[in-house]
Amino acid sequence: MATLWWVRHGPTHAKGMVGWTDLPADLSDTPALDRLAAHLPPDAAVVSSDLARAVTTADAICGPRRRLPHDPGLREIHFGTWEMRRHDEIEAEAPEHIRAFWDAPGDVRPPDGESWNALSARVSAAADRLAVPGGDLIVVAHFGAILSQVQRALGIPAREAFAQPIDTLSVTRLTFDGTWRLEEVNHRP
């Protein structure tokens, strides 16, 4: 059995939709980072998305654990021209488009961006590649990436998965033994 310990990166404090924009994480809550690091398996390797907020969070909780190269397959959804814009701004310009993106997630994508299905396929491929039988792996990633795996493990529609909170610096644990199973979600140590 393989266990992936998904960790959402530290907060960015951004007000718009942040996908591939490379914002830093606020890692000033060192007690929370210490609790998180202590909660995670000590012998697990650590991998992260290649975006700075995930990289620095992974580095902050890594300690003596083995650090693997950054994996772009673990990135957040790409919001295209909607990057760093607020929902209300986009709704004023393209109300049907943004409503379809959130209300019927699947193949609808932002202009020059990525659909939910494309994100899910990309992150699922990365998770499948990283899941080593008999091992634990800490995966520092993003809200959408983690939610896509919650959806996959529970076999629920994307819209239903969107209702699940995934807080910054939280742990969502999934196991794989031929089937993905959700063991813990949004745990804040």
C-alpha atoms as a PDB file:
ATOM      1  CA  MET A   1       0.000   0.000   0.000  1.00  0.00           C
ATOM      2  CA  ALA A   2       1.167   3.552  -0.754  1.00  0.00           C
ATOM      3  CA  THR A   3       0.176   6.573   1.329  1.00  0.00           C
ATOM      4  CA  LEU A   4       0.241  10.115   0.012  1.00  0.00           C
ATOM      5  CA  TRP A   5       0.107  12.814   2.686  1.00  0.00           C
ATOM      6  CA  TRP A   6      -1.210  15.820   0.746  1.00  0.00           C
ATOM      7  CA  VAL A   7      -0.337  19.146   2.391  1.00  0.00           C
ATOM      8  CA  ARG A   8      -1.746  22.446   1.170  1.00  0.00           C
ATOM      9  CA  HIS A   9       0.892  25.169   1.021  1.00  0.00           C
ATOM     10  CA  GLY A  10       0.955  28.188   3.356  1.00  0.00           C
ATOM     11  CA  PRO A  11      -1.395  31.135   2.746  1.00  0.00           C
ATOM     12  CA  THR A  12      -0.729  33.693   0.007  1.00  0.00           C
ATOM     13  CA  HIS A  13      -3.299  36.308   1.126  1.00  0.00           C
ATOM     14  CA  ALA A  14      -4.188  36.913  -2.527  1.00  0.00           C
ATOM     15  CA  LYS A  15      -7.667  38.241  -3.266  1.00  0.00           C
ATOM     16  CA  GLY A  16      -7.958  36.910  -6.811  1.00  0.00           C
ATOM     17  CA  MET A  17      -7.873  33.492  -8.439  1.00  0.00           C
ATOM     18  CA  VAL A  18      -4.351  32.145  -8.009  1.00  0.00           C
ATOM     19  CA  GLY A  19      -3.370  29.257 -10.219  1.00  0.00           C
ATOM     20  CA  TRP A  20       0.000  29.304 -11.936  1.00  0.00           C
ATOM     21  CA  THR A  21       0.910  32.797 -10.705  1.00  0.00           C
ATOM     22  CA  ASP A  22       4.044  32.232  -8.644  1.00  0.00           C
ATOM     23  CA  LEU A  23       3.190  33.923  -5.341  1.00  0.00           C
ATOM     24  CA  PRO A  24       5.130  33.345  -2.118  1.00  0.00           C
ATOM     25  CA  ALA A  25       3.574  31.639   0.896  1.00  0.00           C
ATOM     26  CA  ASP A  26       3.319  33.368   4.248  1.00  0.00           C
ATOM     27  CA  LEU A  27       5.247  30.985   6.504  1.00  0.00           C
ATOM     28  CA  SER A  28       5.316  33.213   9.575  1.00  0.00           C
ATOM     29  CA  ASP A  29       3.188  30.805  11.677  1.00  0.00           C
ATOM     30  CA  THR A  30       6.120  28.669  12.803  1.00  0.00           C
ATOM     31  CA  PRO A  31       4.135  26.855  15.533  1.00  0.00           C
ATOM     32  CA  ALA A  32       1.675  25.637  12.870  1.00  0.00           C
ATOM     33  CA  LEU A  33       4.551  24.539  10.632  1.00  0.00           C
ATOM     34  CA  ASP A  34       6.188  22.723  13.563  1.00  0.00           C
ATOM     35  CA  ARG A  35       2.927  20.899  14.411  1.00  0.00           C
ATOM     36  CA  LEU A  36       2.470  19.975  10.759  1.00  0.00           C
ATOM     37  CA  ALA A  37       6.028  18.643  10.443  1.00  0.00           C
ATOM     38  CA  ALA A  38       5.617  16.614  13.658  1.00  0.00           C
ATOM     39  CA  HIS A  39       2.315  15.103  12.422  1.00  0.00           C
ATOM     40  CA  LEU A  40       3.837  13.805   9.172  1.00  0.00           C
ATOM     41  CA  PRO A  41       5.716  10.483   8.971  1.00  0.00           C
ATOM     42  CA  PRO A  42       9.403  11.052   9.796  1.00  0.00           C
ATOM     43  CA  ASP A  43      10.727   8.640   7.161  1.00  0.00           C
ATOM     44  CA  ALA A  44       8.606   9.923   4.268  1.00  0.00           C
ATOM     45  CA  ALA A  45      10.210  11.768   1.381  1.00  0.00           C
ATOM     46  CA  VAL A  46       8.838  15.206   0.448  1.00  0.00           C
ATOM     47  CA  VAL A  47       7.844  16.399  -3.024  1.00  0.00           C
ATOM     48  CA  SER A  48       6.133  19.618  -4.047  1.00  0.00           C
ATOM     49  CA  SER A  49       4.696  21.475  -6.954  1.00  0.00           C
ATOM     50  CA  ASP A  50       7.251  23.690  -8.648  1.00  0.00           C
ATOM     51  CA  LEU A  51       5.410  26.887  -7.646  1.00  0.00           C
ATOM     52  CA  ALA A  52       7.179  28.942  -4.947  1.00  0.00           C
ATOM     53  CA  ARG A  53       4.373  28.759  -2.364  1.00  0.00           C
ATOM     54  CA  ALA A  54       4.527  24.949  -2.414  1.00  0.00           C
ATOM     55  CA  VAL A  55       8.324  24.754  -2.659  1.00  0.00           C
ATOM     56  CA  THR A  56       8.948  26.969   0.384  1.00  0.00           C
ATOM     57  CA  THR A  57       6.238  25.227   2.421  1.00  0.00           C
ATOM     58  CA  ALA A  58       7.799  21.845   1.602  1.00  0.00           C
ATOM     59  CA  ASP A  59      11.223  23.148   2.549  1.00  0.00           C
ATOM     60  CA  ALA A  60       9.838  24.509   5.841  1.00  0.00           C
ATOM     61  CA  ILE A  61       8.396  21.121   6.925  1.00  0.00           C
ATOM     62  CA  CYS A  62      11.025  18.852   5.387  1.00  0.00           C
ATOM     63  CA  GLY A  63      13.530  18.727   8.249  1.00  0.00           C
ATOM     64  CA  PRO A  64      15.774  15.659   7.850  1.00  0.00           C
ATOM     65  CA  ARG A  65      13.403  14.017   5.368  1.00  0.00           C
ATOM     66  CA  ARG A  66      14.608  13.344   1.826  1.00  0.00           C
ATOM     67  CA  ARG A  67      13.563  16.119  -0.582  1.00  0.00           C
ATOM     68  CA  LEU A  68      12.543  15.054  -4.092  1.00  0.00           C
ATOM     69  CA  PRO A  69      12.694  17.333  -7.162  1.00  0.00           C
ATOM     70  CA  HIS A  70       9.745  19.686  -7.690  1.00  0.00           C
ATOM     71  CA  ASP A  71       6.972  18.223  -9.837  1.00  0.00           C
ATOM     72  CA  PRO A  72       5.068  20.554 -12.215  1.00  0.00           C
ATOM     73  CA  GLY A  73       2.336  17.901 -12.493  1.00  0.00           C
ATOM     74  CA  LEU A  74       1.264  18.938  -8.977  1.00  0.00           C
ATOM     75  CA  ARG A  75       0.545  22.568  -9.893  1.00  0.00           C
ATOM     76  CA  GLU A  76      -2.729  24.339  -9.174  1.00  0.00           C
ATOM     77  CA  ILE A  77      -5.318  24.712 -11.934  1.00  0.00           C
ATOM     78  CA  HIS A  78      -4.293  27.265 -14.553  1.00  0.00           C
ATOM     79  CA  PHE A  79      -6.823  30.106 -14.605  1.00  0.00           C
ATOM     80  CA  GLY A  80      -5.488  31.576 -17.865  1.00  0.00           C
ATOM     81  CA  THR A  81      -6.634  35.177 -18.370  1.00  0.00           C
ATOM     82  CA  TRP A  82      -8.589  34.930 -15.115  1.00  0.00           C
ATOM     83  CA  GLU A  83      -5.355  34.635 -13.100  1.00  0.00           C
ATOM     84  CA  MET A  84      -5.206  37.066 -10.162  1.00  0.00           C
ATOM     85  CA  ARG A  85      -8.644  38.486 -10.962  1.00  0.00           C
ATOM     86  CA  ARG A  86     -11.567  38.456  -8.539  1.00  0.00           C
ATOM     87  CA  HIS A  87     -14.653  36.378  -9.273  1.00  0.00           C
ATOM     88  CA  ASP A  88     -16.920  39.455  -9.315  1.00  0.00           C
ATOM     89  CA  GLU A  89     -14.727  41.143 -11.970  1.00  0.00           C
ATOM     90  CA  ILE A  90     -14.950  38.139 -14.262  1.00  0.00           C
ATOM     91  CA  GLU A  91     -18.654  37.678 -13.598  1.00  0.00           C
ATOM     92  CA  ALA A  92     -19.266  41.256 -14.720  1.00  0.00           C
ATOM     93  CA  GLU A  93     -17.554  40.486 -18.058  1.00  0.00           C
ATOM     94  CA  ALA A  94     -18.471  36.842 -18.708  1.00  0.00           C
ATOM     95  CA  PRO A  95     -21.213  35.720 -16.298  1.00  0.00           C
ATOM     96  CA  GLU A  96     -22.259  32.565 -18.181  1.00  0.00           C
ATOM     97  CA  HIS A  97     -18.691  31.427 -18.672  1.00  0.00           C
ATOM     98  CA  ILE A  98     -17.588  31.729 -15.050  1.00  0.00           C
ATOM     99  CA  ARG A  99     -20.849  30.233 -13.758  1.00  0.00           C
ATOM    100  CA  ALA A 100     -20.409  27.236 -16.070  1.00  0.00           C
ATOM    101  CA  PHE A 101     -16.799  26.861 -14.879  1.00  0.00           C
ATOM    102  CA  TRP A 102     -17.839  26.631 -11.207  1.00  0.00           C
ATOM    103  CA  ASP A 103     -21.365  25.164 -11.470  1.00  0.00           C
ATOM    104  CA  ALA A 104     -20.673  22.485 -14.086  1.00  0.00           C
ATOM    105  CA  PRO A 105     -16.946  21.789 -13.691  1.00  0.00           C
ATOM    106  CA  GLY A 106     -15.512  19.440 -16.220  1.00  0.00           C
ATOM    107  CA  ASP A 107     -14.440  20.546 -19.676  1.00  0.00           C
ATOM    108  CA  VAL A 108     -15.217  24.275 -19.271  1.00  0.00           C
ATOM    109  CA  ARG A 109     -11.992  26.228 -19.023  1.00  0.00           C
ATOM    110  CA  PRO A 110     -11.037  29.868 -18.537  1.00  0.00           C
ATOM    111  CA  PRO A 111      -9.680  31.617 -21.627  1.00  0.00           C
ATOM    112  CA  ASP A 112      -6.106  30.361 -22.176  1.00  0.00           C
ATOM    113  CA  GLY A 113      -6.499  28.237 -19.029  1.00  0.00           C
ATOM    114  CA  GLU A 114      -7.177  24.708 -17.925  1.00  0.00           C
ATOM    115  CA  SER A 115     -10.413  22.800 -17.313  1.00  0.00           C
ATOM    116  CA  TRP A 116     -11.148  20.870 -14.136  1.00  0.00           C
ATOM    117  CA  ASN A 117     -10.904  17.610 -16.078  1.00  0.00           C
ATOM    118  CA  ALA A 118      -7.465  18.582 -17.418  1.00  0.00           C
ATOM    119  CA  LEU A 119      -6.275  19.467 -13.892  1.00  0.00           C
ATOM    120  CA  SER A 120      -7.620  16.167 -12.545  1.00  0.00           C
ATOM    121  CA  ALA A 121      -5.937  14.131 -15.280  1.00  0.00           C
ATOM    122  CA  ARG A 122      -2.600  15.912 -14.771  1.00  0.00           C
ATOM    123  CA  VAL A 123      -2.603  15.564 -10.973  1.00  0.00           C
ATOM    124  CA  SER A 124      -3.883  11.973 -11.097  1.00  0.00           C
ATOM    125  CA  ALA A 125      -1.037  11.025 -13.434  1.00  0.00           C
ATOM    126  CA  ALA A 126       1.458  12.607 -11.019  1.00  0.00           C
ATOM    127  CA  ALA A 127      -0.127  10.852  -8.010  1.00  0.00           C
ATOM    128  CA  ASP A 128      -0.072   7.488  -9.777  1.00  0.00           C
ATOM    129  CA  ARG A 129       3.583   7.978 -10.691  1.00  0.00           C
ATOM    130  CA  LEU A 130       4.503   9.035  -7.128  1.00  0.00           C
ATOM    131  CA  ALA A 131       2.578   6.301  -5.273  1.00  0.00           C
ATOM    132  CA  VAL A 132       5.262   3.767  -4.417  1.00  0.00           C
ATOM    133  CA  PRO A 133       3.920   0.538  -2.889  1.00  0.00           C
ATOM    134  CA  GLY A 134       4.866   0.206   0.763  1.00  0.00           C
ATOM    135  CA  GLY A 135       5.837   3.833   1.130  1.00  0.00           C
ATOM    136  CA  ASP A 136       4.726   7.156   2.541  1.00  0.00           C
ATOM    137  CA  LEU A 137       5.183  10.357   0.564  1.00  0.00           C
ATOM    138  CA  ILE A 138       4.463  13.923   1.643  1.00  0.00           C
ATOM    139  CA  VAL A 139       3.071  15.910  -1.299  1.00  0.00           C
ATOM    140  CA  VAL A 140       2.924  19.699  -0.899  1.00  0.00           C
ATOM    141  CA  ALA A 141       0.474  21.085  -3.426  1.00  0.00           C
ATOM    142  CA  HIS A 142      -2.567  23.288  -3.936  1.00  0.00           C
ATOM    143  CA  PHE A 143      -6.294  23.475  -3.209  1.00  0.00           C
ATOM    144  CA  GLY A 144      -7.436  22.301  -6.653  1.00  0.00           C
ATOM    145  CA  ALA A 145      -4.814  19.573  -6.938  1.00  0.00           C
ATOM    146  CA  ILE A 146      -5.761  18.124  -3.552  1.00  0.00           C
ATOM    147  CA  LEU A 147      -9.505  18.433  -4.217  1.00  0.00           C
ATOM    148  CA  SER A 148      -9.107  16.583  -7.496  1.00  0.00           C
ATOM    149  CA  GLN A 149      -7.686  13.639  -5.569  1.00  0.00           C
ATOM    150  CA  VAL A 150     -10.433  13.799  -2.932  1.00  0.00           C
ATOM    151  CA  GLN A 151     -12.951  13.668  -5.783  1.00  0.00           C
ATOM    152  CA  ARG A 152     -11.130  10.736  -7.332  1.00  0.00           C
ATOM    153  CA  ALA A 153     -10.941   8.733  -4.086  1.00  0.00           C
ATOM    154  CA  LEU A 154     -14.588   9.329  -3.173  1.00  0.00           C
ATOM    155  CA  GLY A 155     -15.908   8.923  -6.722  1.00  0.00           C
ATOM    156  CA  ILE A 156     -18.031  12.058  -6.385  1.00  0.00           C
ATOM    157  CA  PRO A 157     -18.871  14.795  -8.889  1.00  0.00           C
ATOM    158  CA  ALA A 158     -16.489  17.768  -8.998  1.00  0.00           C
ATOM    159  CA  ARG A 159     -19.190  20.172  -7.812  1.00  0.00           C
ATOM    160  CA  GLU A 160     -19.656  18.030  -4.699  1.00  0.00           C
ATOM    161  CA  ALA A 161     -15.896  17.948  -4.118  1.00  0.00           C
ATOM    162  CA  PHE A 162     -15.821  21.764  -4.272  1.00  0.00           C
ATOM    163  CA  ALA A 163     -17.824  21.822  -1.004  1.00  0.00           C
ATOM    164  CA  GLN A 164     -14.919  20.177   0.854  1.00  0.00           C
ATOM    165  CA  PRO A 165     -12.628  22.650   2.625  1.00  0.00           C
ATOM    166  CA  ILE A 166      -8.884  22.233   2.152  1.00  0.00           C
ATOM    167  CA  ASP A 167      -7.267  24.788   4.468  1.00  0.00           C
ATOM    168  CA  THR A 168      -3.730  26.060   4.113  1.00  0.00           C
ATOM    169  CA  LEU A 169      -1.248  23.947   6.082  1.00  0.00           C
ATOM    170  CA  SER A 170      -3.768  21.098   6.333  1.00  0.00           C
ATOM    171  CA  VAL A 171      -3.215  17.384   5.675  1.00  0.00           C
ATOM    172  CA  THR A 172      -5.355  15.173   3.453  1.00  0.00           C
ATOM    173  CA  ARG A 173      -4.206  11.547   3.477  1.00  0.00           C
ATOM    174  CA  LEU A 174      -4.965   9.062   0.717  1.00  0.00           C
ATOM    175  CA  THR A 175      -3.927   5.441   0.412  1.00  0.00           C
ATOM    176  CA  PHE A 176      -3.547   3.306  -2.690  1.00  0.00           C
ATOM    177  CA  ASP A 177      -3.571  -0.477  -2.939  1.00  0.00           C
ATOM    178  CA  GLY A 178      -5.124  -0.751  -6.380  1.00  0.00           C
ATOM    179  CA  THR A 179      -7.874   1.673  -5.358  1.00  0.00           C
ATOM    180  CA  TRP A 180      -7.491   5.204  -3.987  1.00  0.00           C
ATOM    181  CA  ARG A 181      -9.096   5.722  -0.562  1.00  0.00           C
ATOM    182  CA  LEU A 182      -9.504   8.875   1.503  1.00  0.00           C
ATOM    183  CA  GLU A 183      -8.269   8.302   5.068  1.00  0.00           C
ATOM    184  CA  GLU A 184      -8.118  11.856   6.457  1.00  0.00           C
ATOM    185  CA  VAL A 185      -9.201  15.188   5.006  1.00  0.00           C
ATOM    186  CA  ASN A 186      -8.367  18.767   5.904  1.00  0.00           C
ATOM    187  CA  HIS A 187      -6.683  17.869   9.204  1.00  0.00           C
ATOM    188  CA  ARG A 188      -5.027  20.820  10.934  1.00  0.00           C
ATOM    189  CA  PRO A 189      -2.452  19.450  13.402  1.00  0.00           C
END
